[in-house]
Each structure stands twice: as C-alpha cells, then as structure tokens.
Amino acid sequence: MTSIPETAAAEPVPVHESRDAQGIVTLTLSRPERLNALSRTMTAALVEAITRLGADPGVRVIALTGAGRAFCAGGDMKAMAGRTERSFETRVADLREAHAAPLAIARVPKPVVACLNGVAVGAGLSLALACDFRLAKTSTRLVAGFAGVALSGDWGAAWWLPRLVGGARAKEIMMLDRPVEASRAQQIGLVTEVFDDDAYDAGVVDFLQRLAAAPTTALGYMKQNLLAAETQDFAELLDREATHVARTGMADDHREALAAFAQKRKPVFTGR
C-alpha cells in the first residue's frame, strides 16, 4: 500500500473553482488562515486550472479572488522560516516552477480578472498584475513587500509594474515599499476599477458579466497581440495581427456583429 506524503494530506484543496451559466469561472485562493499565502500545492493547482480553462470553449472569463479578508499575502513567510537550507540550484528550480502560474495567466486566451477583495502583497501583487484587469475595494491595499523581507521580487513584478505605471513609479512601489491605497492605484493605472466596499460584490458581478458578453475569442487574440507587442518588432506584429484578424473575421461573432449592424440591434456574442 502506497503511503500519502504528509504535506499532501495536511493541506486542503487550496484553489476552489465555480462556474456560472454565462461561462464565468471563479478561482478562489483558499488558505484564509494564512491570508491565502502561496504554497507549492496552490501554485500547481492554479497552473492546472488556468491551462485547462483556457482550452475549454465554454469558459468566457476567468476571475481570480481570495477567500476571507485578503486576496493573497504572497509567499508563505512562516513556511519559509521553517524551511531547511536549500542549494542555490534548488531555489532557482523552485521559483521557475512557481513562475509557471503568472506565465499561464499571461498566455491563456481568455480574459483574466483579479478581484482584489483585500490586501495583495509581494508575489500576491505580482499575481494580480499578471491578470488582464484588476478590480478593487476602496479598502484594498497593494504592497510590493519585497524590500521588507530583503528579496528582489518575483512572479513578474519587474515586468508588469513598469508597463502599467512607468519606470519611476515602479521603483517607488518596489524599492520604497509604500502601500498603495486603492484610489491611488486606480489613479496611476495599477487597478482598473475601484468600488465602495458595500458595492464591491455587485460591481464585480456587473463587470464580469459585461466581459462575458463580449466577443471573448477576439479578446483572446487581442491579448496575444498585446503581449507579443512587448517583444516583437513592428513587422512581426503586423504579420501576427493579419493572421489574427483573418481568423476572427471567419468567426461566428464577427458575422453576428455584421448582421447586428445591418439590423440596427445589439450583437449577441457567443465566443465562437
């Protein structure tokens, strides 16, 4: 009889998944007693879920949130403190494995929305930055957190921050380690929308439903184009755009858009 490793048996399911009739799938980080601090099991579950949902034609939008009062507190400091000494090579290998999560979010051909129900710190902030949109409560705070624990930052923080807020502000956020309140975060482009705490749930639902009603296949190709534009030259990007416009031009949603325009009505998109 094969024994189950103690670590696998001790940790409950760290990511809960739910789906509604509109194809909105919500992934909830579920370690509320640790403010949803990231564990190896949670990271693996995120990668599996994002990859699987990206290939599911019934999924229109992926929402990522946290259980309890936090979105994600980043790395599990308690686990780090109790961890035995590891070699440099092991540390690098572990981080590369974890980085599959933000990479999966960036590459998945579905809109991904970070629903920031509470604080996002360190790698938890980086996780939110990898998403396409960020919705926050008025009380939400975003904290880089890396300087406070004398680490240089991971999970893509140095990629996303300058692209969202510019190089100077990225340095302020990471190096000075000042918490960014939700209103300020929206002002500088760090979050998409901010809702009063008592209106947050309704605001998130409305945003997700509007996104689910959009031509989500076309949005997926837009996402690919925008990501490629960060690294490809202009000629390569034009070629990519030509390919993607040709693909979306043959899709049901484009035909529906043309019919709706001719009939002077609102289009009903199916994501096909």
C-alpha atoms as a PDB file:
ATOM      1  CA  MET A   1       0.000   0.000   0.000  1.00  0.00           C
ATOM      2  CA  THR A   2       1.415   3.384  -1.022  1.00  0.00           C
ATOM      3  CA  SER A   3       1.562   5.939   1.746  1.00  0.00           C
ATOM      4  CA  ILE A   4       0.423   9.542   1.158  1.00  0.00           C
ATOM      5  CA  PRO A   5       3.063  12.188   1.887  1.00  0.00           C
ATOM      6  CA  GLU A   6       2.216  14.168   4.998  1.00  0.00           C
ATOM      7  CA  THR A   7       2.340  17.508   3.184  1.00  0.00           C
ATOM      8  CA  ALA A   8      -0.181  16.342   0.582  1.00  0.00           C
ATOM      9  CA  ALA A   9      -2.594  15.037   3.218  1.00  0.00           C
ATOM     10  CA  ALA A  10      -2.266  18.052   5.534  1.00  0.00           C
ATOM     11  CA  GLU A  11      -3.204  20.795   3.071  1.00  0.00           C
ATOM     12  CA  PRO A  12      -6.858  21.073   1.990  1.00  0.00           C
ATOM     13  CA  VAL A  13      -7.769  21.974  -1.596  1.00  0.00           C
ATOM     14  CA  PRO A  14      -6.053  25.375  -1.954  1.00  0.00           C
ATOM     15  CA  VAL A  15      -7.987  26.650  -5.010  1.00  0.00           C
ATOM     16  CA  HIS A  16     -11.768  26.414  -5.242  1.00  0.00           C
ATOM     17  CA  GLU A  17     -13.452  26.579  -8.659  1.00  0.00           C
ATOM     18  CA  SER A  18     -17.005  27.625  -9.504  1.00  0.00           C
ATOM     19  CA  ARG A  19     -18.758  28.366 -12.792  1.00  0.00           C
ATOM     20  CA  ASP A  20     -21.946  30.225 -13.641  1.00  0.00           C
ATOM     21  CA  ALA A  21     -24.319  29.934 -16.598  1.00  0.00           C
ATOM     22  CA  GLN A  22     -22.550  32.699 -18.534  1.00  0.00           C
ATOM     23  CA  GLY A  23     -19.240  30.880 -18.582  1.00  0.00           C
ATOM     24  CA  ILE A  24     -17.627  32.953 -15.830  1.00  0.00           C
ATOM     25  CA  VAL A  25     -15.282  30.709 -13.836  1.00  0.00           C
ATOM     26  CA  THR A  26     -14.124  31.933 -10.429  1.00  0.00           C
ATOM     27  CA  LEU A  27     -10.917  30.558  -8.932  1.00  0.00           C
ATOM     28  CA  THR A  28     -10.685  31.291  -5.212  1.00  0.00           C
ATOM     29  CA  LEU A  29      -7.361  31.070  -3.408  1.00  0.00           C
ATOM     30  CA  SER A  30      -8.373  29.262  -0.250  1.00  0.00           C
ATOM     31  CA  ARG A  31      -5.890  29.474   2.610  1.00  0.00           C
ATOM     32  CA  PRO A  32      -7.663  32.222   4.577  1.00  0.00           C
ATOM     33  CA  GLU A  33      -5.873  31.337   7.808  1.00  0.00           C
ATOM     34  CA  ARG A  34      -2.613  32.352   6.043  1.00  0.00           C
ATOM     35  CA  LEU A  35      -4.181  35.263   4.127  1.00  0.00           C
ATOM     36  CA  ASN A  36      -4.035  32.996   1.060  1.00  0.00           C
ATOM     37  CA  ALA A  37      -0.241  32.900   1.099  1.00  0.00           C
ATOM     38  CA  LEU A  38       1.092  30.925  -1.840  1.00  0.00           C
ATOM     39  CA  SER A  39       2.092  27.318  -1.360  1.00  0.00           C
ATOM     40  CA  ARG A  40       3.567  24.879  -3.839  1.00  0.00           C
ATOM     41  CA  THR A  41       0.262  22.999  -3.934  1.00  0.00           C
ATOM     42  CA  MET A  42      -1.696  26.207  -4.561  1.00  0.00           C
ATOM     43  CA  THR A  43       0.640  27.255  -7.367  1.00  0.00           C
ATOM     44  CA  ALA A  44       0.359  23.871  -9.068  1.00  0.00           C
ATOM     45  CA  ALA A  45      -3.434  23.978  -8.746  1.00  0.00           C
ATOM     46  CA  LEU A  46      -3.513  27.447 -10.324  1.00  0.00           C
ATOM     47  CA  VAL A  47      -1.389  26.365 -13.280  1.00  0.00           C
ATOM     48  CA  GLU A  48      -3.546  23.275 -13.844  1.00  0.00           C
ATOM     49  CA  ALA A  49      -6.811  25.224 -13.633  1.00  0.00           C
ATOM     50  CA  ILE A  50      -5.734  28.138 -15.844  1.00  0.00           C
ATOM     51  CA  THR A  51      -4.343  25.800 -18.508  1.00  0.00           C
ATOM     52  CA  ARG A  52      -7.443  23.592 -18.501  1.00  0.00           C
ATOM     53  CA  LEU A  53      -9.896  26.507 -18.544  1.00  0.00           C
ATOM     54  CA  GLY A  54      -8.008  28.150 -21.387  1.00  0.00           C
ATOM     55  CA  ALA A  55      -8.755  25.132 -23.584  1.00  0.00           C
ATOM     56  CA  ASP A  56     -12.434  24.949 -22.565  1.00  0.00           C
ATOM     57  CA  PRO A  57     -14.691  26.599 -25.195  1.00  0.00           C
ATOM     58  CA  GLY A  58     -17.422  27.057 -22.586  1.00  0.00           C
ATOM     59  CA  VAL A  59     -15.282  29.413 -20.497  1.00  0.00           C
ATOM     60  CA  ARG A  60     -15.732  33.104 -21.303  1.00  0.00           C
ATOM     61  CA  VAL A  61     -13.971  34.803 -18.372  1.00  0.00           C
ATOM     62  CA  ILE A  62     -11.701  33.664 -15.534  1.00  0.00           C
ATOM     63  CA  ALA A  63     -11.971  35.540 -12.226  1.00  0.00           C
ATOM     64  CA  LEU A  64      -9.291  35.153  -9.560  1.00  0.00           C
ATOM     65  CA  THR A  65     -10.002  36.101  -5.951  1.00  0.00           C
ATOM     66  CA  GLY A  66      -9.158  35.160  -2.374  1.00  0.00           C
ATOM     67  CA  ALA A  67     -11.101  33.606   0.491  1.00  0.00           C
ATOM     68  CA  GLY A  68     -11.572  35.655   3.634  1.00  0.00           C
ATOM     69  CA  ARG A  69     -10.141  39.143   4.078  1.00  0.00           C
ATOM     70  CA  ALA A  70      -7.138  39.003   1.727  1.00  0.00           C
ATOM     71  CA  PHE A  71      -6.519  38.463  -1.949  1.00  0.00           C
ATOM     72  CA  CYS A  72      -3.057  36.996  -1.463  1.00  0.00           C
ATOM     73  CA  ALA A  73      -0.299  37.735   1.049  1.00  0.00           C
ATOM     74  CA  GLY A  74       2.416  36.474  -1.303  1.00  0.00           C
ATOM     75  CA  GLY A  75       4.967  33.944  -0.166  1.00  0.00           C
ATOM     76  CA  ASP A  76       4.252  31.957   2.988  1.00  0.00           C
ATOM     77  CA  MET A  77       6.721  33.556   5.413  1.00  0.00           C
ATOM     78  CA  LYS A  78       6.008  31.021   8.159  1.00  0.00           C
ATOM     79  CA  ALA A  79       6.849  28.165   5.798  1.00  0.00           C
ATOM     80  CA  MET A  80       9.957  29.985   4.607  1.00  0.00           C
ATOM     81  CA  ALA A  81      11.188  30.452   8.170  1.00  0.00           C
ATOM     82  CA  GLY A  82      10.819  26.738   8.915  1.00  0.00           C
ATOM     83  CA  ARG A  83      12.319  25.521   5.671  1.00  0.00           C
ATOM     84  CA  THR A  84      15.628  23.673   5.761  1.00  0.00           C
ATOM     85  CA  GLU A  85      18.573  25.199   3.928  1.00  0.00           C
ATOM     86  CA  ARG A  86      18.453  24.648   0.172  1.00  0.00           C
ATOM     87  CA  SER A  87      21.075  24.994  -2.512  1.00  0.00           C
ATOM     88  CA  PHE A  88      21.075  27.878  -4.975  1.00  0.00           C
ATOM     89  CA  GLU A  89      20.130  25.476  -7.784  1.00  0.00           C
ATOM     90  CA  THR A  90      17.147  24.158  -5.826  1.00  0.00           C
ATOM     91  CA  ARG A  91      15.935  27.670  -5.056  1.00  0.00           C
ATOM     92  CA  VAL A  92      16.089  28.641  -8.723  1.00  0.00           C
ATOM     93  CA  ALA A  93      14.319  25.452  -9.813  1.00  0.00           C
ATOM     94  CA  ASP A  94      11.530  26.001  -7.265  1.00  0.00           C
ATOM     95  CA  LEU A  95      10.990  29.596  -8.386  1.00  0.00           C
ATOM     96  CA  ARG A  96      10.940  28.628 -12.055  1.00  0.00           C
ATOM     97  CA  GLU A  97       8.274  26.056 -11.240  1.00  0.00           C
ATOM     98  CA  ALA A  98       6.216  28.684  -9.388  1.00  0.00           C
ATOM     99  CA  HIS A  99       6.587  31.174 -12.238  1.00  0.00           C
ATOM    100  CA  ALA A 100       4.514  28.872 -14.430  1.00  0.00           C
ATOM    101  CA  ALA A 101       1.459  30.454 -12.733  1.00  0.00           C
ATOM    102  CA  PRO A 102       1.856  34.094 -13.875  1.00  0.00           C
ATOM    103  CA  LEU A 103       3.061  32.849 -17.257  1.00  0.00           C
ATOM    104  CA  ALA A 104      -0.084  30.744 -17.662  1.00  0.00           C
ATOM    105  CA  ILE A 105      -2.257  33.748 -16.820  1.00  0.00           C
ATOM    106  CA  ALA A 106      -0.431  35.957 -19.316  1.00  0.00           C
ATOM    107  CA  ARG A 107      -0.729  33.371 -22.088  1.00  0.00           C
ATOM    108  CA  VAL A 108      -4.214  31.955 -21.544  1.00  0.00           C
ATOM    109  CA  PRO A 109      -6.535  33.048 -24.405  1.00  0.00           C
ATOM    110  CA  LYS A 110      -9.277  34.189 -22.019  1.00  0.00           C
ATOM    111  CA  PRO A 111      -9.729  37.446 -20.117  1.00  0.00           C
ATOM    112  CA  VAL A 112      -8.482  37.022 -16.537  1.00  0.00           C
ATOM    113  CA  VAL A 113      -9.760  39.400 -13.855  1.00  0.00           C
ATOM    114  CA  ALA A 114      -8.138  39.796 -10.433  1.00  0.00           C
ATOM    115  CA  CYS A 115     -10.928  40.547  -7.947  1.00  0.00           C
ATOM    116  CA  LEU A 116      -8.980  42.176  -5.132  1.00  0.00           C
ATOM    117  CA  ASN A 117     -11.222  41.538  -2.137  1.00  0.00           C
ATOM    118  CA  GLY A 118      -8.404  42.502   0.229  1.00  0.00           C
ATOM    119  CA  VAL A 119      -4.691  43.139   0.509  1.00  0.00           C
ATOM    120  CA  ALA A 120      -2.310  41.912  -2.210  1.00  0.00           C
ATOM    121  CA  VAL A 121       1.325  41.678  -1.157  1.00  0.00           C
ATOM    122  CA  GLY A 122       4.568  40.524  -2.784  1.00  0.00           C
ATOM    123  CA  ALA A 123       4.018  37.643  -5.183  1.00  0.00           C
ATOM    124  CA  GLY A 124       0.293  38.129  -4.496  1.00  0.00           C
ATOM    125  CA  LEU A 125       0.561  41.588  -6.039  1.00  0.00           C
ATOM    126  CA  SER A 126       2.585  40.151  -8.936  1.00  0.00           C
ATOM    127  CA  LEU A 127      -0.155  37.550  -9.444  1.00  0.00           C
ATOM    128  CA  ALA A 128      -2.753  40.321  -9.710  1.00  0.00           C
ATOM    129  CA  LEU A 129      -0.557  42.289 -12.118  1.00  0.00           C
ATOM    130  CA  ALA A 130      -0.351  39.286 -14.457  1.00  0.00           C
ATOM    131  CA  CYS A 131      -4.144  39.404 -14.852  1.00  0.00           C
ATOM    132  CA  ASP A 132      -5.749  41.483 -17.590  1.00  0.00           C
ATOM    133  CA  PHE A 133      -7.912  43.557 -15.250  1.00  0.00           C
ATOM    134  CA  ARG A 134      -7.864  44.349 -11.531  1.00  0.00           C
ATOM    135  CA  LEU A 135     -10.990  45.269  -9.554  1.00  0.00           C
ATOM    136  CA  ALA A 136     -10.553  46.586  -6.024  1.00  0.00           C
ATOM    137  CA  LYS A 137     -12.470  47.603  -2.931  1.00  0.00           C
ATOM    138  CA  THR A 138     -11.932  51.085  -1.539  1.00  0.00           C
ATOM    139  CA  SER A 139     -10.241  49.430   1.436  1.00  0.00           C
ATOM    140  CA  THR A 140      -7.895  47.296  -0.695  1.00  0.00           C
ATOM    141  CA  ARG A 141      -4.174  47.966  -0.319  1.00  0.00           C
ATOM    142  CA  LEU A 142      -1.419  46.862  -2.681  1.00  0.00           C
ATOM    143  CA  VAL A 143       2.057  46.348  -1.274  1.00  0.00           C
ATOM    144  CA  ALA A 144       5.198  45.218  -3.104  1.00  0.00           C
ATOM    145  CA  GLY A 145       6.568  43.860   0.170  1.00  0.00           C
ATOM    146  CA  PHE A 146       9.833  42.539  -1.263  1.00  0.00           C
ATOM    147  CA  ALA A 147      12.131  45.165   0.247  1.00  0.00           C
ATOM    148  CA  GLY A 148      10.701  44.480   3.698  1.00  0.00           C
ATOM    149  CA  VAL A 149      11.942  40.893   3.565  1.00  0.00           C
ATOM    150  CA  ALA A 150      15.147  41.749   1.690  1.00  0.00           C
ATOM    151  CA  LEU A 151      14.197  39.983  -1.550  1.00  0.00           C
ATOM    152  CA  SER A 152      14.486  41.391  -5.074  1.00  0.00           C
ATOM    153  CA  GLY A 153      10.996  40.406  -6.268  1.00  0.00           C
ATOM    154  CA  ASP A 154       9.491  37.620  -8.335  1.00  0.00           C
ATOM    155  CA  TRP A 155       6.384  36.352 -10.154  1.00  0.00           C
ATOM    156  CA  GLY A 156       6.876  39.004 -12.842  1.00  0.00           C
ATOM    157  CA  ALA A 157       6.727  42.170 -10.729  1.00  0.00           C
ATOM    158  CA  ALA A 158       9.578  43.821 -12.647  1.00  0.00           C
ATOM    159  CA  TRP A 159       7.877  43.056 -15.975  1.00  0.00           C
ATOM    160  CA  TRP A 160       4.378  44.284 -15.210  1.00  0.00           C
ATOM    161  CA  LEU A 161       4.915  47.302 -12.950  1.00  0.00           C
ATOM    162  CA  PRO A 162       6.866  49.498 -15.407  1.00  0.00           C
ATOM    163  CA  ARG A 163       4.407  48.653 -18.173  1.00  0.00           C
ATOM    164  CA  LEU A 164       1.432  49.607 -16.029  1.00  0.00           C
ATOM    165  CA  VAL A 165       2.686  52.641 -14.125  1.00  0.00           C
ATOM    166  CA  GLY A 166       6.030  53.622 -15.703  1.00  0.00           C
ATOM    167  CA  GLY A 167       9.596  53.049 -14.573  1.00  0.00           C
ATOM    168  CA  ALA A 168       9.793  55.797 -11.942  1.00  0.00           C
ATOM    169  CA  ARG A 169       6.617  54.751 -10.137  1.00  0.00           C
ATOM    170  CA  ALA A 170       7.623  51.091 -10.407  1.00  0.00           C
ATOM    171  CA  LYS A 171      10.795  51.941  -8.478  1.00  0.00           C
ATOM    172  CA  GLU A 172       8.786  53.813  -5.841  1.00  0.00           C
ATOM    173  CA  ILE A 173       6.395  50.907  -5.360  1.00  0.00           C
ATOM    174  CA  MET A 174       9.089  48.233  -5.181  1.00  0.00           C
ATOM    175  CA  MET A 175      12.057  49.986  -3.592  1.00  0.00           C
ATOM    176  CA  LEU A 176      10.300  52.286  -1.111  1.00  0.00           C
ATOM    177  CA  ASP A 177       7.746  49.568  -0.300  1.00  0.00           C
ATOM    178  CA  ARG A 178       4.949  52.016   0.443  1.00  0.00           C
ATOM    179  CA  PRO A 179       1.405  50.617   0.487  1.00  0.00           C
ATOM    180  CA  VAL A 180      -0.691  51.871  -2.422  1.00  0.00           C
ATOM    181  CA  GLU A 181      -4.292  52.647  -1.488  1.00  0.00           C
ATOM    182  CA  ALA A 182      -6.989  51.658  -3.972  1.00  0.00           C
ATOM    183  CA  SER A 183      -7.851  55.198  -5.073  1.00  0.00           C
ATOM    184  CA  ARG A 184      -4.193  55.955  -5.773  1.00  0.00           C
ATOM    185  CA  ALA A 185      -3.776  52.612  -7.528  1.00  0.00           C
ATOM    186  CA  GLN A 186      -6.587  53.486  -9.922  1.00  0.00           C
ATOM    187  CA  GLN A 187      -5.193  56.962 -10.498  1.00  0.00           C
ATOM    188  CA  ILE A 188      -1.802  55.634 -11.626  1.00  0.00           C
ATOM    189  CA  GLY A 189      -3.215  52.724 -13.665  1.00  0.00           C
ATOM    190  CA  LEU A 190      -2.466  49.898 -11.266  1.00  0.00           C
ATOM    191  CA  VAL A 191      -6.122  48.836 -10.980  1.00  0.00           C
ATOM    192  CA  THR A 192      -8.963  49.031 -13.482  1.00  0.00           C
ATOM    193  CA  GLU A 193     -11.900  49.953 -11.243  1.00  0.00           C
ATOM    194  CA  VAL A 194     -12.497  50.657  -7.553  1.00  0.00           C
ATOM    195  CA  PHE A 195     -15.815  50.048  -5.823  1.00  0.00           C
ATOM    196  CA  ASP A 196     -17.025  51.141  -2.389  1.00  0.00           C
ATOM    197  CA  ASP A 197     -16.767  48.185  -0.039  1.00  0.00           C
ATOM    198  CA  ASP A 198     -20.546  47.770   0.234  1.00  0.00           C
ATOM    199  CA  ALA A 199     -20.934  47.947  -3.562  1.00  0.00           C
ATOM    200  CA  TYR A 200     -17.933  45.755  -4.403  1.00  0.00           C
ATOM    201  CA  ASP A 201     -19.732  42.420  -4.937  1.00  0.00           C
ATOM    202  CA  ALA A 202     -22.353  43.941  -7.242  1.00  0.00           C
ATOM    203  CA  GLY A 203     -19.709  45.915  -9.130  1.00  0.00           C
ATOM    204  CA  VAL A 204     -17.587  42.833  -9.718  1.00  0.00           C
ATOM    205  CA  VAL A 205     -20.567  40.803 -10.947  1.00  0.00           C
ATOM    206  CA  ASP A 206     -21.567  43.553 -13.377  1.00  0.00           C
ATOM    207  CA  PHE A 207     -18.003  43.871 -14.721  1.00  0.00           C
ATOM    208  CA  LEU A 208     -17.600  40.118 -15.196  1.00  0.00           C
ATOM    209  CA  GLN A 209     -20.986  39.769 -16.879  1.00  0.00           C
ATOM    210  CA  ARG A 210     -20.232  42.589 -19.315  1.00  0.00           C
ATOM    211  CA  LEU A 211     -16.892  40.991 -20.138  1.00  0.00           C
ATOM    212  CA  ALA A 212     -18.529  37.586 -20.607  1.00  0.00           C
ATOM    213  CA  ALA A 213     -20.971  39.151 -23.092  1.00  0.00           C
ATOM    214  CA  ALA A 214     -18.082  40.473 -25.208  1.00  0.00           C
ATOM    215  CA  PRO A 215     -16.607  38.590 -28.220  1.00  0.00           C
ATOM    216  CA  THR A 216     -14.224  36.691 -25.968  1.00  0.00           C
ATOM    217  CA  THR A 217     -12.408  34.816 -28.733  1.00  0.00           C
ATOM    218  CA  ALA A 218     -11.484  38.152 -30.305  1.00  0.00           C
ATOM    219  CA  LEU A 219     -10.413  39.409 -26.869  1.00  0.00           C
ATOM    220  CA  GLY A 220      -8.132  36.392 -26.565  1.00  0.00           C
ATOM    221  CA  TYR A 221      -6.391  37.270 -29.817  1.00  0.00           C
ATOM    222  CA  MET A 222      -6.117  40.904 -28.712  1.00  0.00           C
ATOM    223  CA  LYS A 223      -4.415  39.667 -25.559  1.00  0.00           C
ATOM    224  CA  GLN A 224      -1.928  37.644 -27.622  1.00  0.00           C
ATOM    225  CA  ASN A 225      -1.210  40.658 -29.846  1.00  0.00           C
ATOM    226  CA  LEU A 226      -0.603  42.991 -26.914  1.00  0.00           C
ATOM    227  CA  LEU A 227       1.713  40.546 -25.170  1.00  0.00           C
ATOM    228  CA  ALA A 228       3.670  39.955 -28.374  1.00  0.00           C
ATOM    229  CA  ALA A 229       3.964  43.718 -28.952  1.00  0.00           C
ATOM    230  CA  GLU A 230       6.190  43.928 -25.872  1.00  0.00           C
ATOM    231  CA  THR A 231       8.911  41.839 -27.517  1.00  0.00           C
ATOM    232  CA  GLN A 232       8.316  41.622 -31.284  1.00  0.00           C
ATOM    233  CA  ASP A 233       9.352  44.208 -33.854  1.00  0.00           C
ATOM    234  CA  PHE A 234       6.721  46.113 -35.825  1.00  0.00           C
ATOM    235  CA  ALA A 235       6.856  43.937 -38.941  1.00  0.00           C
ATOM    236  CA  GLU A 236       6.424  40.747 -36.897  1.00  0.00           C
ATOM    237  CA  LEU A 237       3.496  42.271 -35.023  1.00  0.00           C
ATOM    238  CA  LEU A 238       1.784  43.350 -38.260  1.00  0.00           C
ATOM    239  CA  ASP A 239       2.078  39.788 -39.543  1.00  0.00           C
ATOM    240  CA  ARG A 240       0.580  38.454 -36.302  1.00  0.00           C
ATOM    241  CA  GLU A 241      -2.266  40.977 -36.488  1.00  0.00           C
ATOM    242  CA  ALA A 242      -3.012  39.969 -40.080  1.00  0.00           C
ATOM    243  CA  THR A 243      -3.247  36.315 -39.080  1.00  0.00           C
ATOM    244  CA  HIS A 244      -5.477  37.023 -36.092  1.00  0.00           C
ATOM    245  CA  VAL A 245      -7.799  39.420 -37.907  1.00  0.00           C
ATOM    246  CA  ALA A 246      -8.237  36.823 -40.658  1.00  0.00           C
ATOM    247  CA  ARG A 247      -9.084  34.193 -38.031  1.00  0.00           C
ATOM    248  CA  THR A 248     -11.569  36.357 -36.140  1.00  0.00           C
ATOM    249  CA  GLY A 249     -13.058  37.574 -39.429  1.00  0.00           C
ATOM    250  CA  MET A 250     -14.126  33.978 -40.136  1.00  0.00           C
ATOM    251  CA  ALA A 251     -15.727  33.503 -36.694  1.00  0.00           C
ATOM    252  CA  ASP A 252     -19.427  33.440 -35.788  1.00  0.00           C
ATOM    253  CA  ASP A 253     -19.047  36.500 -33.559  1.00  0.00           C
ATOM    254  CA  HIS A 254     -17.830  38.656 -36.470  1.00  0.00           C
ATOM    255  CA  ARG A 255     -20.722  37.515 -38.668  1.00  0.00           C
ATOM    256  CA  GLU A 256     -23.098  38.294 -35.800  1.00  0.00           C
ATOM    257  CA  ALA A 257     -21.579  41.764 -35.418  1.00  0.00           C
ATOM    258  CA  LEU A 258     -22.108  42.494 -39.130  1.00  0.00           C
ATOM    259  CA  ALA A 259     -25.699  41.230 -39.013  1.00  0.00           C
ATOM    260  CA  ALA A 260     -26.448  43.274 -35.898  1.00  0.00           C
ATOM    261  CA  PHE A 261     -25.010  46.405 -37.528  1.00  0.00           C
ATOM    262  CA  ALA A 262     -27.175  45.922 -40.623  1.00  0.00           C
ATOM    263  CA  GLN A 263     -30.259  45.257 -38.491  1.00  0.00           C
ATOM    264  CA  LYS A 264     -29.528  48.154 -36.099  1.00  0.00           C
ATOM    265  CA  ARG A 265     -29.533  45.953 -32.999  1.00  0.00           C
ATOM    266  CA  LYS A 266     -27.104  44.977 -30.281  1.00  0.00           C
ATOM    267  CA  PRO A 267     -24.988  41.924 -31.186  1.00  0.00           C
ATOM    268  CA  VAL A 268     -25.199  38.749 -29.114  1.00  0.00           C
ATOM    269  CA  PHE A 269     -21.768  37.166 -28.964  1.00  0.00           C
ATOM    270  CA  THR A 270     -21.167  33.510 -28.171  1.00  0.00           C
ATOM    271  CA  GLY A 271     -17.382  33.414 -28.083  1.00  0.00           C
ATOM    272  CA  ARG A 272     -17.261  31.356 -31.291  1.00  0.00           C
END
